[in-house]
Protein backbone atom coordinates (compact mmCIF):
# COMPACT_ATOMS: atom_id res chain seq x y z
CA MET A 1 0.97 22.80 -21.41
CA ALA A 2 2.65 20.74 -18.69
CA THR A 3 5.92 21.81 -17.13
CA GLU A 4 8.96 19.53 -17.14
CA ARG A 5 8.35 18.76 -13.46
CA GLN A 6 4.73 17.78 -14.20
CA ARG A 7 5.87 15.54 -17.06
CA ARG A 8 8.41 13.80 -14.80
CA GLY A 9 5.75 13.36 -12.11
CA ALA A 10 3.29 11.86 -14.59
CA ALA A 11 6.01 9.52 -15.90
CA ALA A 12 6.78 8.40 -12.33
CA GLU A 13 3.08 7.72 -11.69
CA THR A 14 2.90 5.71 -14.91
CA ALA A 15 5.96 3.68 -13.84
CA ALA A 16 4.46 3.10 -10.38
CA ASP A 17 1.13 2.07 -11.94
CA ALA A 18 2.95 -0.43 -14.20
CA HIS A 19 4.95 -1.77 -11.23
CA LEU A 20 1.82 -2.34 -9.13
CA SER A 21 -0.09 -3.86 -12.06
CA ALA A 22 2.80 -6.26 -12.70
CA MET A 23 2.42 -7.42 -9.07
CA GLY A 24 -1.23 -8.24 -9.73
CA TRP A 25 -2.69 -5.10 -8.18
CA SER A 26 -5.69 -3.25 -9.64
CA VAL A 27 -5.21 0.50 -9.96
CA LEU A 28 -8.63 2.11 -9.57
CA ALA A 29 -7.77 5.80 -9.99
CA ARG A 30 -4.95 8.30 -10.46
CA ASN A 31 -4.53 11.84 -9.15
CA VAL A 32 -7.61 11.87 -6.96
CA ARG A 33 -8.15 15.27 -5.35
CA VAL A 34 -9.86 15.70 -2.00
CA GLY A 35 -10.01 19.38 -1.17
CA ARG A 36 -6.39 20.53 -1.11
CA ASP A 37 -5.01 17.00 -0.79
CA GLU A 38 -4.27 14.49 -3.52
CA ILE A 39 -3.80 10.74 -3.69
CA ASP A 40 -1.51 9.77 -6.58
CA LEU A 41 -2.84 6.22 -7.03
CA LEU A 42 -5.74 4.35 -5.49
CA ALA A 43 -5.25 0.59 -5.78
CA ILE A 44 -6.26 -2.83 -4.55
CA ASP A 45 -3.53 -5.10 -3.21
CA PRO A 46 -5.04 -8.56 -3.78
CA GLY A 47 -3.24 -9.88 -0.72
CA PRO A 48 -4.22 -12.09 0.88
CA PRO A 49 -5.97 -10.43 2.50
CA ALA A 50 -7.04 -7.82 -0.05
CA GLU A 51 -6.41 -4.22 1.02
CA LEU A 52 -7.36 -0.80 -0.29
CA VAL A 53 -4.09 1.08 -0.78
CA PHE A 54 -3.59 4.82 -1.15
CA VAL A 55 -0.26 5.33 -2.91
CA GLU A 56 2.03 8.35 -2.79
CA VAL A 57 4.51 8.41 -5.70
CA ARG A 58 7.82 10.23 -5.45
CA SER A 59 10.58 10.51 -8.01
CA ALA A 60 14.14 11.75 -8.16
CA THR A 61 16.40 12.72 -11.02
CA SER A 62 19.29 14.17 -8.99
CA HIS A 63 21.03 13.73 -5.63
CA ARG A 64 20.56 17.41 -4.78
CA PHE A 65 17.67 16.94 -2.35
CA GLY A 66 18.56 13.53 -0.88
CA GLN A 67 16.47 10.40 -1.07
CA PRO A 68 12.86 10.84 -2.26
CA GLU A 69 11.70 8.92 0.83
CA GLU A 70 13.20 11.64 3.04
CA ARG A 71 10.92 14.23 1.45
CA VAL A 72 7.79 12.54 2.78
CA ASP A 73 7.63 14.15 6.19
CA ARG A 74 5.10 13.87 9.03
CA GLY A 75 3.03 16.69 7.55
CA LYS A 76 2.72 14.95 4.19
CA VAL A 77 1.77 11.67 5.85
CA ALA A 78 -0.88 13.51 7.90
CA HIS A 79 -2.31 14.97 4.66
CA LEU A 80 -2.39 11.51 3.10
CA TYR A 81 -4.27 10.05 6.06
CA ARG A 82 -6.73 12.94 5.99
CA ALA A 83 -7.32 12.42 2.25
CA MET A 84 -7.72 8.66 2.76
CA SER A 85 -10.38 9.19 5.42
CA ALA A 86 -12.25 11.68 3.24
CA LEU A 87 -12.10 9.50 0.12
CA VAL A 88 -13.52 6.38 1.70
CA GLY A 89 -16.93 8.03 1.99
CA THR A 90 -17.09 9.14 -1.65
CA ASP A 91 -18.24 7.49 -4.87
CA ILE A 92 -14.59 7.13 -5.91
CA VAL A 93 -14.32 4.20 -3.51
CA PRO A 94 -17.07 1.70 -4.38
CA ALA A 95 -19.22 0.63 -1.42
CA GLU A 96 -18.02 -2.99 -1.60
CA LEU A 97 -14.39 -1.83 -1.14
CA ARG A 98 -15.04 0.37 1.89
CA ARG A 99 -14.96 -2.67 4.18
CA LEU A 100 -11.38 -3.55 3.19
CA LYS A 101 -8.49 -2.80 5.47
CA ARG A 102 -6.73 0.40 4.31
CA ARG A 103 -3.13 1.54 4.24
CA ILE A 104 -0.85 4.14 2.67
CA ASP A 105 2.19 3.07 0.66
CA LEU A 106 5.03 5.03 -0.89
CA VAL A 107 6.41 4.10 -4.31
CA VAL A 108 9.69 5.76 -5.25
CA VAL A 109 10.81 5.97 -8.88
CA ASP A 110 14.53 6.75 -8.70
CA ARG A 111 15.97 7.83 -12.06
CA ARG A 112 19.31 9.01 -10.71
CA GLY A 113 21.34 6.01 -11.87
CA GLY A 114 20.20 5.70 -15.48
CA SER A 115 17.42 3.16 -15.71
CA PRO A 116 14.64 3.75 -13.17
CA GLN A 117 14.79 1.85 -9.89
CA ILE A 118 11.49 1.35 -8.08
CA ARG A 119 11.27 1.06 -4.31
CA HIS A 120 7.98 0.20 -2.65
CA LEU A 121 7.57 1.05 1.03
CA ARG A 122 4.42 -0.39 2.54
CA SER A 123 2.27 0.92 5.35
CA LEU A 124 3.40 4.45 6.15
CA GLU A 125 2.60 5.04 9.81
CA PRO A 126 0.34 7.90 10.80
CA PRO A 127 2.12 10.80 12.50
């Protein structure tokens, strides 16, 4: 049985998936594990030019810990880049997509003000 935190996380990923799909993106996979690392969403941004995007999803339901963006530190970004590099050589990423330019985005689902607000930050820089 999932914990409340896991249910909130899954709901945030569903909201992020819907947000990206509404923008015309194709979500290829969710919760992809690579060793100890995880990519929340793997998607195609149709561009132009089309890009393979590895998406970290963060959510917030209170102001207690600050902005969700602030909780994605250099260490987390390093883990995301490591997972991205490892995933590109697997069957999860089809061969025809491996040639695409790649980036890591952050999608924040902020539920602190009632209805969820979604913020999409593109191209997190490597540490």
